Amino acid sequence: MAIPLGVAELLGPIFGAMMYGIHIVTFGVALRKLLTTQSGRWKRGSEIKWIMVVVSCLLFIIATLDLVMAIITIVQAFVLYTGPGGADHIFTHSAGYQTMTKSFCVGFQSLLGDAILIYRCWFLWNRSWLVITLPLLIWLGNIATVVRFLDLLAEATQGLIISSAVQPWVQAFWALTISVNVMTTSLIVGRIWMVDRQNKKLGIDINRPQTTLGHAMRNIIESGMIYTVVSIFALVTEILGSNLTYPASHLEIHSVGITFNLIIIRASGMTRFLQSTSASASMPLHIHRHTTTTVGREGTDLFSLSRLDKESQLTKTLEQSDMEIPRP
């Protein structure tokens, strides 16, 4: 049974408010990790990763703006408007500033989240532009898709994002978003898997049920699935022309920020683990002569270091790009 437009529009802010609560909590914890040390001291300006701070704040601000616009629309439709057509008239009368703002927020939030994924992939692969060429081209194409979608929405006689004029562009947007997410996540996981596989070949960590890098791969996939599954849900609702696309957009806009914050929180937990492990380890660090593969700012030979040194170096690289590595 089709869901009425008014019901779908009302469900959107309800789901959005639930996700917003999670977003607030993760945003606060992530900001604390970025701005303070483990001892609770405020970090100096040179110690703060300002790019991650700015991105985290932007994701939270955009999500807040989207929820505010949705609430304003709901109040106008169900409380203030008393004319003919009821609440549906407010939702369909034109592409007003609320519809344009909410659509812009969803597009911008997804593009920003994808940009961070591409950046992490580029950083982890030793700043290789060749590796990210395809995801970057798709991302640039998605920018054009969002611009075209907003342009058509502004000219539409009815402010519906599921109208026939704009629906193909919205479908293309979600399809490209999913493609970038899957590709970059696969490249990141593949990079870590390569190091973990070489560890096992060298006889490192063979007695542990799961290595630190194995935990990293598992949790990268888990976090990536949050964003990917919600994006797939949004794409399916668009293809079916269902009004559920409105709740889906509210879920998606917060899933980006929540996933980003969880990555920061888990990376911080892994840093504490490695520091305590390195401090208590009595085993010497040996250098082996094997084929080298470099990762990170210093060009460290990841495949020729013993476990503690190797995983510490990769973790440093992952932490710099704010990859998620949880506490084992």
Protein backbone atom coordinates (compact mmCIF):
# COMPACT_ATOMS: atom_id res chain seq x y z
CA MET A 1 0.00 0.00 0.00
CA ALA A 2 1.32 3.40 -1.03
CA ILE A 3 2.21 5.77 1.80
CA PRO A 4 0.43 9.15 1.53
CA LEU A 5 2.66 12.17 0.96
CA GLY A 6 1.67 13.81 4.23
CA VAL A 7 2.50 10.70 6.23
CA ALA A 8 5.88 10.33 4.52
CA GLU A 9 6.74 13.98 5.11
CA LEU A 10 5.80 13.58 8.78
CA LEU A 11 7.85 10.41 9.19
CA GLY A 12 10.91 12.15 7.77
CA PRO A 13 11.51 14.55 10.71
CA ILE A 14 10.59 11.81 13.20
CA PHE A 15 13.30 9.51 11.85
CA GLY A 16 15.58 12.50 11.42
CA ALA A 17 15.17 13.52 15.08
CA MET A 18 16.02 9.99 16.24
CA MET A 19 19.16 9.92 14.12
CA TYR A 20 19.99 13.49 15.14
CA GLY A 21 20.20 12.39 18.78
CA ILE A 22 22.80 9.77 17.84
CA HIS A 23 24.58 12.36 15.71
CA ILE A 24 24.81 14.81 18.62
CA VAL A 25 26.35 12.20 20.93
CA THR A 26 28.91 10.96 18.41
CA PHE A 27 29.72 14.53 17.37
CA GLY A 28 30.45 15.53 20.96
CA VAL A 29 32.66 12.51 21.62
CA ALA A 30 34.52 12.88 18.31
CA LEU A 31 35.12 16.59 18.92
CA ARG A 32 36.54 15.76 22.34
CA LYS A 33 38.90 13.24 20.77
CA LEU A 34 40.04 15.78 18.19
CA LEU A 35 40.53 18.73 20.57
CA THR A 36 41.87 17.11 23.74
CA THR A 37 44.62 14.67 24.67
CA GLN A 38 44.11 11.38 26.51
CA SER A 39 44.97 13.13 29.78
CA GLY A 40 42.21 15.68 29.21
CA ARG A 41 44.47 18.58 28.23
CA TRP A 42 43.37 20.84 25.38
CA LYS A 43 45.57 20.25 22.36
CA ARG A 44 47.75 22.99 20.96
CA GLY A 45 46.79 24.36 17.55
CA SER A 46 49.59 22.46 15.85
CA GLU A 47 48.36 19.17 17.34
CA ILE A 48 44.78 19.48 16.08
CA LYS A 49 43.70 17.95 12.78
CA TRP A 50 41.79 20.99 11.64
CA ILE A 51 40.49 19.42 8.44
CA MET A 52 38.70 16.72 10.42
CA VAL A 53 37.39 19.24 12.94
CA VAL A 54 35.98 21.45 10.17
CA VAL A 55 34.44 18.49 8.32
CA SER A 56 32.84 17.11 11.48
CA CYS A 57 31.36 20.52 12.29
CA LEU A 58 30.12 21.01 8.73
CA LEU A 59 28.40 17.62 8.71
CA PHE A 60 26.67 18.48 11.98
CA ILE A 61 25.63 21.98 10.85
CA ILE A 62 24.23 20.73 7.54
CA ALA A 63 22.30 17.94 9.29
CA THR A 64 20.91 20.47 11.78
CA LEU A 65 19.84 22.84 8.99
CA ASP A 66 18.08 20.00 7.17
CA LEU A 67 16.13 19.01 10.30
CA VAL A 68 15.17 22.64 11.01
CA MET A 69 13.84 23.08 7.47
CA ALA A 70 11.84 19.86 7.77
CA ILE A 71 10.28 20.98 11.05
CA ILE A 72 9.40 24.39 9.59
CA THR A 73 7.67 22.69 6.66
CA ILE A 74 5.73 20.37 8.98
CA VAL A 75 4.56 23.26 11.15
CA GLN A 76 3.43 25.24 8.12
CA ALA A 77 1.57 22.25 6.66
CA PHE A 78 -0.17 20.88 9.73
CA VAL A 79 -0.50 23.95 11.97
CA LEU A 80 -0.37 27.27 10.14
CA TYR A 81 -1.97 26.50 6.77
CA THR A 82 -5.77 26.38 6.76
CA GLY A 83 -6.46 26.81 3.04
CA PRO A 84 -7.72 24.34 0.44
CA GLY A 85 -5.80 21.15 -0.22
CA GLY A 86 -4.73 20.69 3.38
CA ALA A 87 -1.16 19.81 4.30
CA ASP A 88 -0.43 18.29 0.87
CA HIS A 89 -0.76 21.75 -0.66
CA ILE A 90 2.27 22.93 1.29
CA PHE A 91 4.28 19.90 0.20
CA THR A 92 3.40 20.25 -3.49
CA HIS A 93 2.55 23.89 -4.20
CA SER A 94 6.03 24.89 -5.38
CA ALA A 95 9.73 24.34 -4.98
CA GLY A 96 9.97 26.75 -2.07
CA TYR A 97 13.07 27.60 -0.10
CA GLN A 98 12.45 24.73 2.33
CA THR A 99 12.48 22.11 -0.43
CA MET A 100 15.52 23.65 -2.11
CA THR A 101 17.42 23.91 1.17
CA LYS A 102 16.67 20.33 2.20
CA SER A 103 17.64 19.00 -1.22
CA PHE A 104 20.87 21.00 -1.15
CA CYS A 105 21.68 19.68 2.33
CA VAL A 106 21.27 16.05 1.27
CA GLY A 107 23.38 16.53 -1.84
CA PHE A 108 26.11 18.51 -0.11
CA GLN A 109 26.28 16.11 2.84
CA SER A 110 26.71 13.07 0.59
CA LEU A 111 29.30 14.78 -1.61
CA LEU A 112 31.29 15.86 1.43
CA GLY A 113 31.18 12.35 2.90
CA ASP A 114 32.33 10.86 -0.41
CA ALA A 115 35.13 13.44 -0.66
CA ILE A 116 36.46 12.36 2.73
CA LEU A 117 36.37 8.71 1.68
CA ILE A 118 38.37 9.54 -1.46
CA TYR A 119 40.83 11.57 0.60
CA ARG A 120 41.39 8.70 3.04
CA CYS A 121 41.89 6.29 0.17
CA TRP A 122 44.37 8.65 -1.52
CA PHE A 123 46.30 9.19 1.72
CA LEU A 124 46.44 5.50 2.62
CA TRP A 125 47.69 4.55 -0.85
CA ASN A 126 50.70 6.84 -0.44
CA ARG A 127 48.99 9.79 -2.17
CA SER A 128 48.51 7.86 -5.39
CA TRP A 129 46.30 9.79 -7.81
CA LEU A 130 46.11 6.77 -10.11
CA VAL A 131 44.32 4.70 -7.46
CA ILE A 132 41.57 7.28 -6.92
CA THR A 133 41.17 8.34 -10.56
CA LEU A 134 37.89 6.51 -11.16
CA PRO A 135 36.25 7.38 -7.80
CA LEU A 136 37.31 11.00 -8.25
CA LEU A 137 35.86 11.20 -11.76
CA ILE A 138 32.58 9.70 -10.55
CA TRP A 139 32.51 12.16 -7.65
CA LEU A 140 33.03 15.11 -10.02
CA GLY A 141 30.24 13.76 -12.22
CA ASN A 142 28.02 13.53 -9.17
CA ILE A 143 28.57 17.24 -8.49
CA ALA A 144 27.18 17.97 -11.95
CA THR A 145 24.25 15.67 -11.21
CA VAL A 146 23.40 17.58 -8.02
CA VAL A 147 23.63 20.94 -9.79
CA ARG A 148 21.31 19.74 -12.56
CA PHE A 149 18.90 18.22 -10.06
CA LEU A 150 18.65 21.46 -8.06
CA ASP A 151 18.21 23.46 -11.25
CA LEU A 152 15.29 21.30 -12.38
CA LEU A 153 13.77 21.35 -8.91
CA ALA A 154 13.85 25.14 -8.87
CA GLU A 155 11.93 25.23 -12.17
CA ALA A 156 9.40 22.53 -11.24
CA THR A 157 5.78 23.58 -10.87
CA GLN A 158 5.47 21.17 -7.96
CA GLY A 159 8.15 20.85 -5.29
CA LEU A 160 8.35 17.07 -5.35
CA ILE A 161 11.70 15.35 -5.56
CA ILE A 162 9.91 12.28 -6.97
CA SER A 163 8.42 14.22 -9.89
CA SER A 164 9.15 12.85 -13.37
CA ALA A 165 11.42 15.77 -14.27
CA VAL A 166 13.92 15.36 -11.47
CA GLN A 167 13.57 11.67 -10.58
CA PRO A 168 16.15 10.35 -13.15
CA TRP A 169 18.75 12.78 -11.81
CA VAL A 170 18.08 11.79 -8.21
CA GLN A 171 18.41 8.13 -9.15
CA ALA A 172 21.71 8.88 -10.89
CA PHE A 173 22.91 10.75 -7.81
CA TRP A 174 22.27 7.83 -5.47
CA ALA A 175 23.75 5.32 -7.91
CA LEU A 176 26.95 7.35 -8.22
CA THR A 177 27.11 7.85 -4.45
CA ILE A 178 26.87 4.10 -3.87
CA SER A 179 29.55 3.47 -6.52
CA VAL A 180 32.03 5.86 -4.90
CA ASN A 181 31.34 4.43 -1.45
CA VAL A 182 31.82 0.81 -2.51
CA MET A 183 34.96 1.51 -4.55
CA THR A 184 36.77 3.62 -1.97
CA THR A 185 35.86 1.32 0.91
CA SER A 186 37.10 -1.68 -1.10
CA LEU A 187 40.38 0.08 -1.91
CA ILE A 188 40.94 1.01 1.73
CA VAL A 189 40.17 -2.49 2.97
CA GLY A 190 42.30 -3.97 0.19
CA ARG A 191 45.27 -1.84 1.22
CA ILE A 192 45.08 -3.00 4.82
CA TRP A 193 44.50 -6.60 3.73
CA MET A 194 47.71 -6.51 1.69
CA VAL A 195 49.71 -5.55 4.79
CA ASP A 196 47.93 -8.09 6.98
CA ARG A 197 48.49 -10.85 4.43
CA GLN A 198 52.20 -10.07 4.26
CA ASN A 199 52.31 -10.18 8.06
CA LYS A 200 51.06 -13.76 7.98
CA LYS A 201 53.56 -14.72 5.29
CA LEU A 202 56.38 -13.49 7.50
CA GLY A 203 55.01 -15.48 10.44
CA ILE A 204 53.82 -12.37 12.29
CA ASP A 205 50.68 -12.61 14.46
CA ILE A 206 50.13 -16.27 13.56
CA ASN A 207 49.20 -17.06 17.15
CA ARG A 208 46.57 -14.34 17.39
CA PRO A 209 42.97 -15.15 16.31
CA GLN A 210 42.65 -11.80 14.63
CA THR A 211 45.28 -9.13 14.05
CA THR A 212 44.91 -5.45 14.73
CA LEU A 213 44.69 -4.85 10.99
CA GLY A 214 42.06 -7.58 10.76
CA HIS A 215 39.96 -5.64 13.24
CA ALA A 216 40.51 -2.55 11.12
CA MET A 217 39.19 -4.23 7.98
CA ARG A 218 36.15 -5.59 9.80
CA ASN A 219 35.17 -2.25 11.26
CA ILE A 220 35.82 -0.29 8.06
CA ILE A 221 33.38 -2.59 6.31
CA GLU A 222 30.86 -2.26 9.16
CA SER A 223 30.95 1.53 9.13
CA GLY A 224 30.88 1.69 5.35
CA MET A 225 27.81 -0.53 5.33
CA ILE A 226 25.85 2.01 7.39
CA TYR A 227 26.21 4.64 4.70
CA THR A 228 25.92 2.21 1.79
CA VAL A 229 22.76 0.45 3.01
CA VAL A 230 20.96 3.74 3.63
CA SER A 231 22.00 5.00 0.18
CA ILE A 232 20.71 1.81 -1.43
CA PHE A 233 17.43 2.23 0.44
CA ALA A 234 17.15 5.80 -0.88
CA LEU A 235 17.88 4.63 -4.44
CA VAL A 236 15.25 1.88 -4.26
CA THR A 237 12.58 4.31 -3.02
CA GLU A 238 13.42 6.65 -5.91
CA ILE A 239 13.23 3.88 -8.50
CA LEU A 240 9.87 2.77 -7.12
CA GLY A 241 8.64 6.37 -6.98
CA SER A 242 7.70 5.85 -3.33
CA ASN A 243 7.09 8.65 -0.86
CA LEU A 244 9.44 6.77 1.48
CA THR A 245 12.21 8.71 -0.24
CA TYR A 246 11.55 11.52 2.27
CA PRO A 247 12.30 9.44 5.39
CA ALA A 248 15.21 7.85 3.50
CA SER A 249 16.82 11.24 2.87
CA HIS A 250 16.63 12.06 6.59
CA LEU A 251 18.29 8.76 7.48
CA GLU A 252 21.00 9.29 4.90
CA ILE A 253 22.00 12.82 5.87
CA HIS A 254 22.66 11.77 9.47
CA SER A 255 24.31 8.46 8.59
CA VAL A 256 27.14 10.36 6.90
CA GLY A 257 27.98 12.36 10.01
CA ILE A 258 27.52 9.43 12.39
CA THR A 259 29.82 7.20 10.35
CA PHE A 260 32.46 9.94 10.15
CA ASN A 261 32.37 10.50 13.91
CA LEU A 262 32.55 6.78 14.70
CA ILE A 263 35.70 6.51 12.60
CA ILE A 264 37.38 9.22 14.67
CA ILE A 265 36.26 7.68 17.97
CA ARG A 266 37.48 4.17 17.08
CA ALA A 267 40.79 5.44 15.69
CA SER A 268 41.44 7.16 19.01
CA GLY A 269 40.76 3.93 20.88
CA MET A 270 43.29 2.07 18.75
CA THR A 271 45.94 4.72 19.37
CA ARG A 272 45.70 4.15 23.13
CA PHE A 273 45.99 0.39 22.59
CA LEU A 274 49.15 0.65 20.51
CA GLN A 275 50.77 3.02 22.99
CA SER A 276 50.14 0.65 25.90
CA THR A 277 51.25 -2.35 23.84
CA SER A 278 54.48 -0.68 22.73
CA ALA A 279 55.28 0.38 26.28
CA SER A 280 54.89 -3.14 27.69
CA ALA A 281 56.40 -5.14 24.83
CA SER A 282 59.72 -6.83 25.52
CA MET A 283 60.24 -8.39 22.10
CA PRO A 284 62.88 -6.70 19.91
CA LEU A 285 61.90 -5.12 16.60
CA HIS A 286 63.65 -6.85 13.73
CA ILE A 287 64.17 -5.69 10.18
CA HIS A 288 63.62 -8.25 7.40
CA ARG A 289 64.65 -7.93 3.77
CA HIS A 290 61.57 -8.28 1.65
CA THR A 291 59.82 -6.45 -1.12
CA THR A 292 58.84 -3.01 0.09
CA THR A 293 55.54 -1.27 -0.10
CA THR A 294 55.29 2.23 1.31
CA VAL A 295 52.35 3.73 3.08
CA GLY A 296 52.18 7.05 4.82
CA ARG A 297 53.94 10.38 5.01
CA GLU A 298 57.35 8.93 5.90
CA GLY A 299 57.32 6.20 3.21
CA THR A 300 57.71 3.45 5.84
CA ASP A 301 58.59 -0.06 4.64
CA LEU A 302 55.49 -1.76 6.02
CA PHE A 303 56.34 -5.23 4.75
CA SER A 304 59.79 -5.40 6.38
CA LEU A 305 59.03 -4.50 10.00
CA SER A 306 58.00 -6.79 12.83
CA ARG A 307 54.44 -6.68 14.17
CA LEU A 308 54.60 -3.82 16.66
CA ASP A 309 56.61 -1.49 14.46
CA LYS A 310 54.71 -2.36 11.31
CA GLU A 311 51.22 -2.06 12.71
CA SER A 312 52.18 1.08 14.62
CA GLN A 313 53.37 2.72 11.41
CA LEU A 314 50.26 1.75 9.46
CA THR A 315 48.08 2.83 12.37
CA LYS A 316 49.82 6.20 12.40
CA THR A 317 49.01 6.56 8.71
CA LEU A 318 45.42 5.46 9.25
CA GLU A 319 45.05 7.80 12.21
CA GLN A 320 46.34 10.72 10.16
CA SER A 321 43.60 10.04 7.64
CA ASP A 322 41.20 9.24 10.51
CA MET A 323 40.60 5.67 9.49
CA GLU A 324 38.80 3.51 12.01
CA ILE A 325 40.86 0.97 13.92
CA PRO A 326 39.06 -0.22 17.04
CA ARG A 327 40.58 -1.52 20.24
CA PRO A 328 41.19 -5.30 19.80
